[in-house]
Amino acid sequence: MALALLFALISWQVAVDGPLLGVDTGVRGAVHDLRRTLLSIPLNHLGVALSDLGGGIPAVPVLLGCAGAAARLERRAGRQRWWLPLPTAAVAAVLIPLLVVPAKAYFARPGPYGLPLAADQWGWYPSGHTATSAIAYGSAALLLARSFGRRVARRLIAGTAALCLGVGAGLVWSDYHWFLDVVASWCLAGLLLQALAAVLRRFGSH
């Protein structure tokens, strides 16, 4: 519920150009000041590299590969619905553009540089790279975690969360996205992952 409310609040503020968007300009200014202070080329390259991890390639192939590995592990474990990770991953991959692209087209928010959108651009809100990374890597972690003990599963999920946070941080650091674009996509991904976890508990327990 909290994720849904936060997503709705941010979306409303983006739609009406509300005062909450001052958070974006404040964060962007602070990041620019920090970048000028550090003058770290390796850190800037790291930001770009982390941002790239949110692209459809490699995120979707990683999701599908992990789904195949999860299905194989579950088949070895004798689970009746060992094949469930495969359609689950396919649905998650399809939902990414179905959720993000219409929202981008509807809100048509300009990026951090403030340039008008070109005819072939959808807009920056919500962040597609953030949503792609969180949904794809998060789904992959949930599918694999079912085949391991609690300790390994927790480490896997924690590592995936850190990776997805890194992608969002890289996008903001590299000036590719507003901060709230990233936060909104985390909310959207969180809602989808909660639904996915519920489905796996309901139908994948045997």
N, C-alpha and C. Protein backbone atom coordinates (compact mmCIF):
# COMPACT_ATOMS: atom_id res chain seq x y z
N MET A 1 0.83 -1.20 0.00
CA MET A 1 0.00 0.00 0.00
C MET A 1 0.86 1.25 0.00
N ALA A 2 1.94 1.24 0.80
CA ALA A 2 2.81 2.41 0.86
C ALA A 2 3.45 2.68 -0.49
N LEU A 3 3.88 1.61 -1.19
CA LEU A 3 4.49 1.79 -2.51
C LEU A 3 3.49 2.37 -3.50
N ALA A 4 2.26 1.89 -3.45
CA ALA A 4 1.23 2.39 -4.36
C ALA A 4 0.92 3.86 -4.09
N LEU A 5 0.83 4.22 -2.82
CA LEU A 5 0.55 5.61 -2.47
C LEU A 5 1.68 6.53 -2.88
N LEU A 6 2.93 6.10 -2.67
CA LEU A 6 4.07 6.92 -3.05
C LEU A 6 4.12 7.09 -4.56
N PHE A 7 3.87 6.00 -5.31
CA PHE A 7 3.86 6.10 -6.77
C PHE A 7 2.77 7.05 -7.24
N ALA A 8 1.60 6.95 -6.63
CA ALA A 8 0.49 7.84 -7.00
C ALA A 8 0.83 9.30 -6.69
N LEU A 9 1.46 9.54 -5.55
CA LEU A 9 1.83 10.91 -5.16
C LEU A 9 2.83 11.50 -6.15
N ILE A 10 3.87 10.75 -6.46
CA ILE A 10 4.88 11.26 -7.39
C ILE A 10 4.28 11.49 -8.76
N SER A 11 3.45 10.55 -9.22
CA SER A 11 2.82 10.69 -10.54
C SER A 11 1.95 11.94 -10.60
N TRP A 12 1.21 12.18 -9.53
CA TRP A 12 0.36 13.38 -9.47
C TRP A 12 1.21 14.64 -9.55
N GLN A 13 2.30 14.67 -8.81
CA GLN A 13 3.16 15.84 -8.82
C GLN A 13 3.83 16.06 -10.18
N VAL A 14 4.19 14.98 -10.84
CA VAL A 14 4.76 15.10 -12.19
C VAL A 14 3.70 15.63 -13.15
N ALA A 15 2.48 15.15 -13.02
CA ALA A 15 1.41 15.55 -13.93
C ALA A 15 1.08 17.03 -13.79
N VAL A 16 1.14 17.56 -12.55
CA VAL A 16 0.74 18.96 -12.33
C VAL A 16 1.94 19.87 -12.13
N ASP A 17 3.15 19.31 -12.31
CA ASP A 17 4.38 20.08 -12.09
C ASP A 17 4.37 20.68 -10.68
N GLY A 18 4.11 19.83 -9.71
CA GLY A 18 3.92 20.26 -8.32
C GLY A 18 5.21 20.56 -7.58
N PRO A 19 5.09 21.06 -6.36
CA PRO A 19 6.26 21.47 -5.57
C PRO A 19 7.18 20.31 -5.18
N LEU A 20 6.64 19.08 -5.15
CA LEU A 20 7.50 17.94 -4.80
C LEU A 20 8.65 17.78 -5.78
N LEU A 21 8.49 18.29 -6.99
CA LEU A 21 9.55 18.17 -7.99
C LEU A 21 10.78 18.99 -7.61
N GLY A 22 10.63 19.85 -6.61
CA GLY A 22 11.81 20.55 -6.11
C GLY A 22 12.84 19.61 -5.53
N VAL A 23 12.39 18.42 -5.11
CA VAL A 23 13.33 17.40 -4.65
C VAL A 23 14.28 17.03 -5.78
N ASP A 24 13.75 16.94 -6.99
CA ASP A 24 14.59 16.58 -8.14
C ASP A 24 15.68 17.61 -8.40
N THR A 25 15.30 18.87 -8.41
CA THR A 25 16.30 19.91 -8.68
C THR A 25 17.32 19.99 -7.54
N GLY A 26 16.84 19.78 -6.31
CA GLY A 26 17.77 19.80 -5.17
C GLY A 26 18.77 18.66 -5.24
N VAL A 27 18.28 17.44 -5.53
CA VAL A 27 19.19 16.29 -5.64
C VAL A 27 20.15 16.47 -6.81
N ARG A 28 19.64 16.97 -7.93
CA ARG A 28 20.51 17.16 -9.10
C ARG A 28 21.61 18.17 -8.79
N GLY A 29 21.25 19.26 -8.11
CA GLY A 29 22.26 20.26 -7.76
C GLY A 29 23.31 19.69 -6.81
N ALA A 30 22.88 18.89 -5.83
CA ALA A 30 23.82 18.29 -4.89
C ALA A 30 24.75 17.31 -5.59
N VAL A 31 24.20 16.53 -6.52
CA VAL A 31 25.03 15.58 -7.26
C VAL A 31 26.05 16.31 -8.13
N HIS A 32 25.62 17.38 -8.77
CA HIS A 32 26.55 18.16 -9.60
C HIS A 32 27.68 18.75 -8.75
N ASP A 33 27.34 19.26 -7.58
CA ASP A 33 28.36 19.81 -6.68
C ASP A 33 29.34 18.73 -6.26
N LEU A 34 28.84 17.56 -5.95
CA LEU A 34 29.71 16.45 -5.52
C LEU A 34 30.60 16.00 -6.66
N ARG A 35 30.06 15.93 -7.86
CA ARG A 35 30.87 15.53 -9.01
C ARG A 35 32.00 16.53 -9.27
N ARG A 36 31.69 17.82 -9.14
CA ARG A 36 32.72 18.84 -9.35
C ARG A 36 33.77 18.78 -8.25
N THR A 37 33.35 18.41 -7.06
CA THR A 37 34.30 18.32 -5.94
C THR A 37 35.23 17.13 -6.10
N LEU A 38 34.68 16.00 -6.47
CA LEU A 38 35.46 14.77 -6.57
C LEU A 38 36.31 14.70 -7.84
N LEU A 39 35.73 15.17 -8.95
CA LEU A 39 36.41 15.11 -10.24
C LEU A 39 37.00 13.71 -10.48
N SER A 40 36.17 12.71 -10.26
CA SER A 40 36.61 11.31 -10.37
C SER A 40 36.12 10.70 -11.68
N ILE A 41 37.02 10.51 -12.62
CA ILE A 41 36.66 9.89 -13.89
C ILE A 41 36.23 8.43 -13.69
N PRO A 42 36.95 7.64 -12.86
CA PRO A 42 36.49 6.26 -12.63
C PRO A 42 35.08 6.19 -12.04
N LEU A 43 34.76 7.10 -11.14
CA LEU A 43 33.43 7.11 -10.54
C LEU A 43 32.37 7.45 -11.58
N ASN A 44 32.71 8.37 -12.47
CA ASN A 44 31.77 8.72 -13.54
C ASN A 44 31.56 7.54 -14.49
N HIS A 45 32.63 6.83 -14.80
CA HIS A 45 32.51 5.63 -15.65
C HIS A 45 31.68 4.56 -14.95
N LEU A 46 31.85 4.43 -13.64
CA LEU A 46 31.07 3.46 -12.87
C LEU A 46 29.59 3.79 -12.94
N GLY A 47 29.28 5.08 -12.84
CA GLY A 47 27.88 5.50 -12.93
C GLY A 47 27.26 5.11 -14.26
N VAL A 48 28.00 5.31 -15.34
CA VAL A 48 27.51 4.93 -16.67
C VAL A 48 27.35 3.42 -16.78
N ALA A 49 28.35 2.68 -16.26
CA ALA A 49 28.29 1.21 -16.32
C ALA A 49 27.10 0.66 -15.55
N LEU A 50 26.86 1.22 -14.37
CA LEU A 50 25.70 0.78 -13.59
C LEU A 50 24.40 1.12 -14.31
N SER A 51 24.35 2.28 -14.93
CA SER A 51 23.16 2.67 -15.69
C SER A 51 22.88 1.68 -16.82
N ASP A 52 23.94 1.25 -17.49
CA ASP A 52 23.79 0.33 -18.62
C ASP A 52 23.22 -1.02 -18.19
N LEU A 53 23.42 -1.39 -16.93
CA LEU A 53 22.87 -2.66 -16.45
C LEU A 53 21.35 -2.64 -16.39
N GLY A 54 20.76 -1.46 -16.52
CA GLY A 54 19.31 -1.36 -16.53
C GLY A 54 18.69 -1.46 -17.90
N GLY A 55 19.51 -1.66 -18.93
CA GLY A 55 18.98 -1.82 -20.28
C GLY A 55 18.33 -3.17 -20.47
N GLY A 56 17.54 -3.29 -21.53
CA GLY A 56 16.91 -4.57 -21.83
C GLY A 56 17.93 -5.67 -22.03
N ILE A 57 19.04 -5.30 -22.61
CA ILE A 57 20.23 -6.16 -22.66
C ILE A 57 21.25 -5.49 -21.77
N PRO A 58 21.62 -6.10 -20.63
CA PRO A 58 21.58 -7.53 -20.33
C PRO A 58 20.44 -8.00 -19.42
N ALA A 59 19.56 -7.11 -18.95
CA ALA A 59 18.64 -7.48 -17.87
C ALA A 59 17.69 -8.61 -18.25
N VAL A 60 17.05 -8.51 -19.42
CA VAL A 60 16.08 -9.54 -19.81
C VAL A 60 16.75 -10.89 -20.07
N PRO A 61 17.89 -10.96 -20.81
CA PRO A 61 18.56 -12.25 -20.94
C PRO A 61 18.96 -12.86 -19.59
N VAL A 62 19.38 -12.04 -18.64
CA VAL A 62 19.72 -12.56 -17.31
C VAL A 62 18.47 -13.16 -16.66
N LEU A 63 17.35 -12.47 -16.77
CA LEU A 63 16.10 -12.98 -16.21
C LEU A 63 15.74 -14.33 -16.81
N LEU A 64 15.78 -14.43 -18.13
CA LEU A 64 15.40 -15.68 -18.79
C LEU A 64 16.38 -16.80 -18.48
N GLY A 65 17.67 -16.47 -18.42
CA GLY A 65 18.66 -17.47 -18.07
C GLY A 65 18.49 -17.99 -16.65
N CYS A 66 18.23 -17.08 -15.73
CA CYS A 66 18.00 -17.49 -14.33
C CYS A 66 16.72 -18.30 -14.19
N ALA A 67 15.71 -17.98 -15.00
CA ALA A 67 14.47 -18.75 -14.97
C ALA A 67 14.74 -20.19 -15.43
N GLY A 68 15.55 -20.34 -16.48
CA GLY A 68 15.90 -21.68 -16.93
C GLY A 68 16.66 -22.45 -15.87
N ALA A 69 17.60 -21.78 -15.21
CA ALA A 69 18.36 -22.42 -14.13
C ALA A 69 17.45 -22.80 -12.97
N ALA A 70 16.51 -21.92 -12.63
CA ALA A 70 15.58 -22.20 -11.53
C ALA A 70 14.69 -23.39 -11.86
N ALA A 71 14.22 -23.46 -13.10
CA ALA A 71 13.37 -24.59 -13.49
C ALA A 71 14.15 -25.90 -13.40
N ARG A 72 15.40 -25.86 -13.82
CA ARG A 72 16.22 -27.07 -13.75
C ARG A 72 16.44 -27.51 -12.30
N LEU A 73 16.72 -26.55 -11.43
CA LEU A 73 16.93 -26.88 -10.02
C LEU A 73 15.65 -27.44 -9.38
N GLU A 74 14.51 -26.85 -9.74
CA GLU A 74 13.25 -27.32 -9.16
C GLU A 74 12.87 -28.69 -9.69
N ARG A 75 13.22 -28.95 -10.94
CA ARG A 75 12.95 -30.29 -11.49
C ARG A 75 13.80 -31.34 -10.77
N ARG A 76 15.06 -31.00 -10.51
CA ARG A 76 15.92 -31.92 -9.76
C ARG A 76 15.40 -32.15 -8.34
N ALA A 77 14.78 -31.11 -7.77
CA ALA A 77 14.25 -31.23 -6.41
C ALA A 77 12.92 -31.98 -6.37
N GLY A 78 12.39 -32.31 -7.54
CA GLY A 78 11.15 -33.08 -7.60
C GLY A 78 9.89 -32.27 -7.46
N ARG A 79 9.94 -30.98 -7.71
CA ARG A 79 8.73 -30.16 -7.60
C ARG A 79 7.80 -30.43 -8.77
N GLN A 80 6.52 -30.49 -8.46
CA GLN A 80 5.54 -30.81 -9.49
C GLN A 80 5.47 -29.73 -10.56
N ARG A 81 5.50 -28.49 -10.12
CA ARG A 81 5.42 -27.37 -11.07
C ARG A 81 6.82 -26.78 -11.30
N TRP A 82 7.75 -27.62 -11.66
CA TRP A 82 9.13 -27.18 -11.88
C TRP A 82 9.25 -26.20 -13.03
N TRP A 83 8.30 -26.23 -13.94
CA TRP A 83 8.33 -25.39 -15.13
C TRP A 83 7.84 -23.95 -14.87
N LEU A 84 7.29 -23.70 -13.68
CA LEU A 84 6.67 -22.41 -13.38
C LEU A 84 7.60 -21.21 -13.58
N PRO A 85 8.90 -21.30 -13.27
CA PRO A 85 9.76 -20.12 -13.48
C PRO A 85 9.81 -19.63 -14.93
N LEU A 86 9.62 -20.52 -15.89
CA LEU A 86 9.74 -20.12 -17.29
C LEU A 86 8.62 -19.18 -17.74
N PRO A 87 7.35 -19.54 -17.57
CA PRO A 87 6.30 -18.58 -17.94
C PRO A 87 6.29 -17.35 -17.04
N THR A 88 6.69 -17.54 -15.78
CA THR A 88 6.73 -16.39 -14.87
C THR A 88 7.72 -15.35 -15.37
N ALA A 89 8.90 -15.80 -15.79
CA ALA A 89 9.91 -14.87 -16.30
C ALA A 89 9.44 -14.22 -17.60
N ALA A 90 8.78 -14.98 -18.45
CA ALA A 90 8.28 -14.43 -19.71
C ALA A 90 7.25 -13.34 -19.46
N VAL A 91 6.35 -13.59 -18.51
CA VAL A 91 5.33 -12.58 -18.18
C VAL A 91 5.99 -11.33 -17.61
N ALA A 92 6.97 -11.52 -16.71
CA ALA A 92 7.66 -10.36 -16.12
C ALA A 92 8.36 -9.54 -17.20
N ALA A 93 8.99 -10.22 -18.17
CA ALA A 93 9.69 -9.51 -19.24
C ALA A 93 8.72 -8.71 -20.10
N VAL A 94 7.55 -9.27 -20.35
CA VAL A 94 6.55 -8.58 -21.18
C VAL A 94 5.93 -7.41 -20.44
N LEU A 95 5.76 -7.55 -19.13
CA LEU A 95 5.12 -6.50 -18.35
C LEU A 95 5.96 -5.24 -18.26
N ILE A 96 7.27 -5.38 -18.39
CA ILE A 96 8.14 -4.19 -18.26
C ILE A 96 7.74 -3.10 -19.26
N PRO A 97 7.74 -3.39 -20.57
CA PRO A 97 7.33 -2.31 -21.50
C PRO A 97 5.85 -1.97 -21.40
N LEU A 98 5.01 -2.96 -21.05
CA LEU A 98 3.58 -2.69 -20.96
C LEU A 98 3.25 -1.71 -19.84
N LEU A 99 4.05 -1.73 -18.77
CA LEU A 99 3.82 -0.82 -17.65
C LEU A 99 4.50 0.53 -17.87
N VAL A 100 5.71 0.50 -18.42
CA VAL A 100 6.53 1.70 -18.46
C VAL A 100 6.23 2.59 -19.66
N VAL A 101 6.12 1.99 -20.84
CA VAL A 101 5.98 2.79 -22.06
C VAL A 101 4.71 3.65 -22.06
N PRO A 102 3.53 3.11 -21.72
CA PRO A 102 2.35 3.98 -21.69
C PRO A 102 2.48 5.12 -20.68
N ALA A 103 3.10 4.84 -19.54
CA ALA A 103 3.28 5.90 -18.54
C ALA A 103 4.21 6.99 -19.06
N LYS A 104 5.28 6.58 -19.72
CA LYS A 104 6.19 7.57 -20.30
C LYS A 104 5.47 8.45 -21.33
N ALA A 105 4.68 7.81 -22.18
CA ALA A 105 3.96 8.56 -23.21
C ALA A 105 2.92 9.49 -22.60
N TYR A 106 2.27 9.05 -21.53
CA TYR A 106 1.23 9.86 -20.91
C TYR A 106 1.81 11.09 -20.21
N PHE A 107 2.84 10.89 -19.40
CA PHE A 107 3.39 12.00 -18.63
C PHE A 107 4.31 12.88 -19.47
N ALA A 108 5.00 12.30 -20.46
CA ALA A 108 5.85 13.05 -21.38
C ALA A 108 6.75 14.04 -20.64
N ARG A 109 7.39 13.58 -19.59
CA ARG A 109 8.23 14.47 -18.79
C ARG A 109 9.60 14.67 -19.44
N PRO A 110 10.04 15.91 -19.60
CA PRO A 110 11.39 16.15 -20.13
C PRO A 110 12.45 15.65 -19.15
N GLY A 111 13.64 15.36 -19.68
CA GLY A 111 14.73 14.88 -18.86
C GLY A 111 15.41 15.99 -18.09
N PRO A 112 16.46 15.65 -17.37
CA PRO A 112 17.15 16.64 -16.53
C PRO A 112 17.70 17.85 -17.28
N TYR A 113 17.98 17.70 -18.57
CA TYR A 113 18.52 18.83 -19.32
C TYR A 113 17.43 19.78 -19.79
N GLY A 114 16.16 19.40 -19.62
CA GLY A 114 15.05 20.30 -19.92
C GLY A 114 14.74 20.48 -21.38
N LEU A 115 15.33 19.67 -22.25
CA LEU A 115 15.07 19.82 -23.69
C LEU A 115 13.68 19.29 -24.04
N PRO A 116 13.00 19.93 -24.98
CA PRO A 116 11.69 19.43 -25.39
C PRO A 116 11.80 18.02 -25.96
N LEU A 117 10.75 17.23 -25.77
CA LEU A 117 10.77 15.87 -26.29
C LEU A 117 10.68 15.87 -27.81
N ALA A 118 11.49 15.02 -28.42
CA ALA A 118 11.40 14.85 -29.87
C ALA A 118 10.18 13.99 -30.19
N ALA A 119 9.83 13.95 -31.47
CA ALA A 119 8.63 13.21 -31.87
C ALA A 119 8.72 11.73 -31.56
N ASP A 120 9.94 11.19 -31.53
CA ASP A 120 10.12 9.75 -31.29
C ASP A 120 10.46 9.42 -29.83
N GLN A 121 10.33 10.40 -28.94
CA GLN A 121 10.65 10.17 -27.53
C GLN A 121 9.37 10.03 -26.71
N TRP A 122 9.43 9.15 -25.70
CA TRP A 122 8.27 8.91 -24.85
C TRP A 122 8.26 9.77 -23.60
N GLY A 123 9.41 10.21 -23.17
CA GLY A 123 9.50 10.94 -21.91
C GLY A 123 10.33 10.17 -20.90
N TRP A 124 10.63 10.84 -19.80
CA TRP A 124 11.57 10.27 -18.83
C TRP A 124 10.90 9.64 -17.61
N TYR A 125 9.61 9.86 -17.45
CA TYR A 125 8.94 9.36 -16.24
C TYR A 125 7.95 8.26 -16.58
N PRO A 126 8.03 7.13 -15.87
CA PRO A 126 9.07 6.72 -14.91
C PRO A 126 10.31 6.21 -15.63
N SER A 127 11.34 5.94 -14.89
CA SER A 127 12.61 5.50 -15.48
C SER A 127 12.51 4.07 -15.99
N GLY A 128 12.70 3.90 -17.29
CA GLY A 128 12.65 2.58 -17.89
C GLY A 128 13.80 1.69 -17.45
N HIS A 129 15.01 2.25 -17.37
CA HIS A 129 16.16 1.46 -16.96
C HIS A 129 16.02 0.99 -15.50
N THR A 130 15.48 1.86 -14.66
CA THR A 130 15.28 1.48 -13.26
C THR A 130 14.25 0.36 -13.16
N ALA A 131 13.14 0.51 -13.85
CA ALA A 131 12.10 -0.51 -13.81
C ALA A 131 12.59 -1.83 -14.40
N THR A 132 13.31 -1.74 -15.50
CA THR A 132 13.82 -2.96 -16.14
C THR A 132 14.76 -3.72 -15.22
N SER A 133 15.69 -3.00 -14.61
CA SER A 133 16.65 -3.67 -13.72
C SER A 133 15.95 -4.25 -12.50
N ALA A 134 15.08 -3.48 -11.87
CA ALA A 134 14.43 -3.95 -10.65
C ALA A 134 13.50 -5.13 -10.91
N ILE A 135 12.73 -5.06 -11.99
CA ILE A 135 11.81 -6.15 -12.29
C ILE A 135 12.55 -7.39 -12.78
N ALA A 136 13.49 -7.20 -13.70
CA ALA A 136 14.19 -8.35 -14.28
C ALA A 136 15.09 -9.03 -13.25
N TYR A 137 15.98 -8.26 -12.62
CA TYR A 137 16.89 -8.87 -11.65
C TYR A 137 16.15 -9.32 -10.39
N GLY A 138 15.15 -8.54 -9.99
CA GLY A 138 14.37 -8.92 -8.83
C GLY A 138 13.60 -10.21 -9.05
N SER A 139 12.98 -10.35 -10.22
CA SER A 139 12.26 -11.58 -10.55
C SER A 139 13.21 -12.76 -10.61
N ALA A 140 14.38 -12.55 -11.21
CA ALA A 140 15.37 -13.62 -11.30
C ALA A 140 15.80 -14.08 -9.90
N ALA A 141 16.00 -13.13 -9.01
CA ALA A 141 16.41 -13.48 -7.64
C ALA A 141 15.31 -14.26 -6.92
N LEU A 142 14.05 -13.84 -7.08
CA LEU A 142 12.95 -14.55 -6.44
C LEU A 142 12.82 -15.98 -6.96
N LEU A 143 13.01 -16.14 -8.26
CA LEU A 143 12.89 -17.48 -8.85
C LEU A 143 14.01 -18.40 -8.37
N LEU A 144 15.23 -17.88 -8.31
CA LEU A 144 16.36 -18.70 -7.87
C LEU A 144 16.33 -18.96 -6.37
N ALA A 145 15.88 -17.98 -5.60
CA ALA A 145 15.92 -18.08 -4.15
C ALA A 145 15.13 -19.27 -3.63
N ARG A 146 14.10 -19.68 -4.36
CA ARG A 146 13.26 -20.80 -3.93
C ARG A 146 14.01 -22.11 -3.88
N SER A 147 15.13 -22.20 -4.60
CA SER A 147 15.89 -23.45 -4.68
C SER A 147 17.04 -23.51 -3.68
N PHE A 148 17.19 -22.47 -2.87
CA PHE A 148 18.29 -22.43 -1.92
C PHE A 148 17.77 -22.28 -0.50
N GLY A 149 18.67 -22.48 0.47
CA GLY A 149 18.32 -22.28 1.86
C GLY A 149 18.09 -20.82 2.18
N ARG A 150 17.57 -20.55 3.35
CA ARG A 150 17.21 -19.18 3.71
C ARG A 150 18.42 -18.25 3.70
N ARG A 151 19.56 -18.71 4.20
CA ARG A 151 20.73 -17.84 4.28
C ARG A 151 21.20 -17.43 2.89
N VAL A 152 21.30 -18.40 1.98
CA VAL A 152 21.73 -18.08 0.61
C VAL A 152 20.68 -17.22 -0.08
N ALA A 153 19.41 -17.55 0.14
CA ALA A 153 18.34 -16.77 -0.49
C ALA A 153 18.37 -15.32 -0.04
N ARG A 154 18.59 -15.09 1.25
CA ARG A 154 18.64 -13.72 1.76
C ARG A 154 19.82 -12.96 1.16
N ARG A 155 20.96 -13.62 1.04
CA ARG A 155 22.12 -12.97 0.45
C ARG A 155 21.89 -12.66 -1.02
N LEU A 156 21.25 -13.58 -1.72
CA LEU A 156 20.94 -13.36 -3.13
C LEU A 156 20.03 -12.16 -3.30
N ILE A 157 18.98 -12.10 -2.50
CA ILE A 157 18.02 -10.99 -2.61
C ILE A 157 18.67 -9.68 -2.18
N ALA A 158 19.49 -9.72 -1.13
CA ALA A 158 20.17 -8.50 -0.69
C ALA A 158 21.14 -8.00 -1.76
N GLY A 159 21.87 -8.92 -2.37
CA GLY A 159 22.79 -8.52 -3.43
C GLY A 159 22.07 -7.94 -4.63
N THR A 160 20.93 -8.53 -4.96
CA THR A 160 20.13 -8.02 -6.08
C THR A 160 19.59 -6.63 -5.77
N ALA A 161 19.13 -6.43 -4.54
CA ALA A 161 18.64 -5.11 -4.14
C ALA A 161 19.75 -4.07 -4.24
N ALA A 162 20.96 -4.45 -3.81
CA ALA A 162 22.10 -3.52 -3.90
C ALA A 162 22.41 -3.18 -5.36
N LEU A 163 22.34 -4.18 -6.23
CA LEU A 163 22.58 -3.94 -7.66
C LEU A 163 21.55 -2.97 -8.23
N CYS A 164 20.28 -3.18 -7.90
CA CYS A 164 19.23 -2.31 -8.42
C CYS A 164 19.34 -0.89 -7.87
N LEU A 165 19.73 -0.76 -6.60
CA LEU A 165 20.00 0.57 -6.05
C LEU A 165 21.16 1.23 -6.80
N GLY A 166 22.15 0.42 -7.15
CA GLY A 166 23.29 0.95 -7.89
C GLY A 166 22.90 1.46 -9.27
N VAL A 167 21.99 0.74 -9.93
CA VAL A 167 21.52 1.20 -11.24
C VAL A 167 20.83 2.55 -11.11
N GLY A 168 19.95 2.68 -10.13
CA GLY A 168 19.27 3.95 -9.93
C GLY A 168 20.22 5.07 -9.59
N ALA A 169 21.19 4.78 -8.72
CA ALA A 169 22.18 5.79 -8.36
C ALA A 169 23.01 6.19 -9.56
N GLY A 170 23.36 5.21 -10.40
CA GLY A 170 24.13 5.51 -11.61
C GLY A 170 23.37 6.41 -12.57
N LEU A 171 22.08 6.20 -12.68
CA LEU A 171 21.26 7.03 -13.57
C LEU A 171 21.21 8.47 -13.09
N VAL A 172 21.06 8.65 -11.78
CA VAL A 172 21.02 10.01 -11.22
C VAL A 172 22.40 10.65 -11.29
N TRP A 173 23.43 9.88 -10.94
CA TRP A 173 24.80 10.41 -10.96
C TRP A 173 25.20 10.85 -12.37
N SER A 174 24.79 10.07 -13.36
CA SER A 174 25.16 10.36 -14.75
C SER A 174 24.25 11.39 -15.40
N ASP A 175 23.27 11.89 -14.66
CA ASP A 175 22.34 12.91 -15.16
C ASP A 175 21.45 12.36 -16.27
N TYR A 176 21.17 11.06 -16.22
CA TYR A 176 20.28 10.46 -17.20
C TYR A 176 18.82 10.56 -16.79
N HIS A 177 18.58 10.69 -15.47
CA HIS A 177 17.21 10.72 -14.97
C HIS A 177 17.09 11.61 -13.75
N TRP A 178 15.88 12.13 -13.56
CA TRP A 178 15.55 12.79 -12.32
C TRP A 178 15.47 11.74 -11.21
N PHE A 179 15.71 12.18 -9.99
CA PHE A 179 15.67 11.28 -8.84
C PHE A 179 14.28 10.65 -8.67
N LEU A 180 13.22 11.43 -8.81
CA LEU A 180 11.88 10.89 -8.61
C LEU A 180 11.46 9.95 -9.73
N ASP A 181 12.04 10.08 -10.92
CA ASP A 181 11.81 9.09 -11.97
C ASP A 181 12.24 7.71 -11.49
N VAL A 182 13.39 7.69 -10.83
CA VAL A 182 13.97 6.44 -10.32
C VAL A 182 13.13 5.89 -9.17
N VAL A 183 12.78 6.75 -8.23
CA VAL A 183 12.00 6.31 -7.06
C VAL A 183 10.65 5.74 -7.50
N ALA A 184 10.01 6.39 -8.46
CA ALA A 184 8.71 5.91 -8.93
C ALA A 184 8.83 4.52 -9.55
N SER A 185 9.89 4.29 -10.29
CA SER A 185 10.08 2.98 -10.90
C SER A 185 10.38 1.92 -9.86
N TRP A 186 11.09 2.29 -8.80
CA TRP A 186 11.29 1.33 -7.70
C TRP A 186 9.96 0.95 -7.08
N CYS A 187 9.07 1.93 -6.90
CA CYS A 187 7.74 1.65 -6.35
C CYS A 187 6.97 0.70 -7.27
N LEU A 188 7.00 0.99 -8.56
CA LEU A 188 6.28 0.17 -9.53
C LEU A 188 6.82 -1.25 -9.53
N ALA A 189 8.14 -1.38 -9.52
CA ALA A 189 8.77 -2.69 -9.51
C ALA A 189 8.46 -3.43 -8.21
N GLY A 190 8.47 -2.71 -7.10
CA GLY A 190 8.18 -3.34 -5.82
C GLY A 190 6.78 -3.94 -5.79
N LEU A 191 5.82 -3.23 -6.35
CA LEU A 191 4.45 -3.75 -6.40
C LEU A 191 4.38 -5.02 -7.24
N LEU A 192 5.06 -5.01 -8.38
CA LEU A 192 5.05 -6.18 -9.25
C LEU A 192 5.75 -7.36 -8.60
N LEU A 193 6.86 -7.11 -7.94
CA LEU A 193 7.60 -8.20 -7.29
C LEU A 193 6.82 -8.79 -6.12
N GLN A 194 6.08 -7.95 -5.41
CA GLN A 194 5.24 -8.47 -4.33
C GLN A 194 4.17 -9.41 -4.90
N ALA A 195 3.59 -9.02 -6.03
CA ALA A 195 2.59 -9.88 -6.67
C ALA A 195 3.23 -11.18 -7.16
N LEU A 196 4.42 -11.07 -7.72
CA LEU A 196 5.13 -12.26 -8.18
C LEU A 196 5.43 -13.21 -7.02
N ALA A 197 5.90 -12.68 -5.90
CA ALA A 197 6.20 -13.50 -4.74
C ALA A 197 4.94 -14.21 -4.24
N ALA A 198 3.80 -13.51 -4.26
CA ALA A 198 2.54 -14.13 -3.83
C ALA A 198 2.13 -15.27 -4.75
N VAL A 199 2.32 -15.07 -6.06
CA VAL A 199 1.98 -16.12 -7.03
C VAL A 199 2.87 -17.34 -6.82
N LEU A 200 4.14 -17.12 -6.59
CA LEU A 200 5.06 -18.23 -6.38
C LEU A 200 4.73 -18.99 -5.10
N ARG A 201 4.35 -18.26 -4.06
CA ARG A 201 3.94 -18.93 -2.82
C ARG A 201 2.68 -19.75 -3.01
N ARG A 202 1.77 -19.21 -3.83
CA ARG A 202 0.46 -19.88 -4.02
C ARG A 202 0.56 -21.08 -4.94
N PHE A 203 1.25 -20.93 -6.05
CA PHE A 203 1.22 -21.98 -7.06
C PHE A 203 2.52 -22.77 -7.18
N GLY A 204 3.58 -22.29 -6.55
CA GLY A 204 4.85 -22.98 -6.71
C GLY A 204 5.33 -23.69 -5.48
N SER A 205 4.43 -23.98 -4.56
CA SER A 205 4.84 -24.58 -3.28
C SER A 205 4.95 -26.10 -3.35
N HIS A 206 4.55 -26.69 -4.46
CA HIS A 206 4.59 -28.16 -4.57
C HIS A 206 5.45 -28.59 -5.76
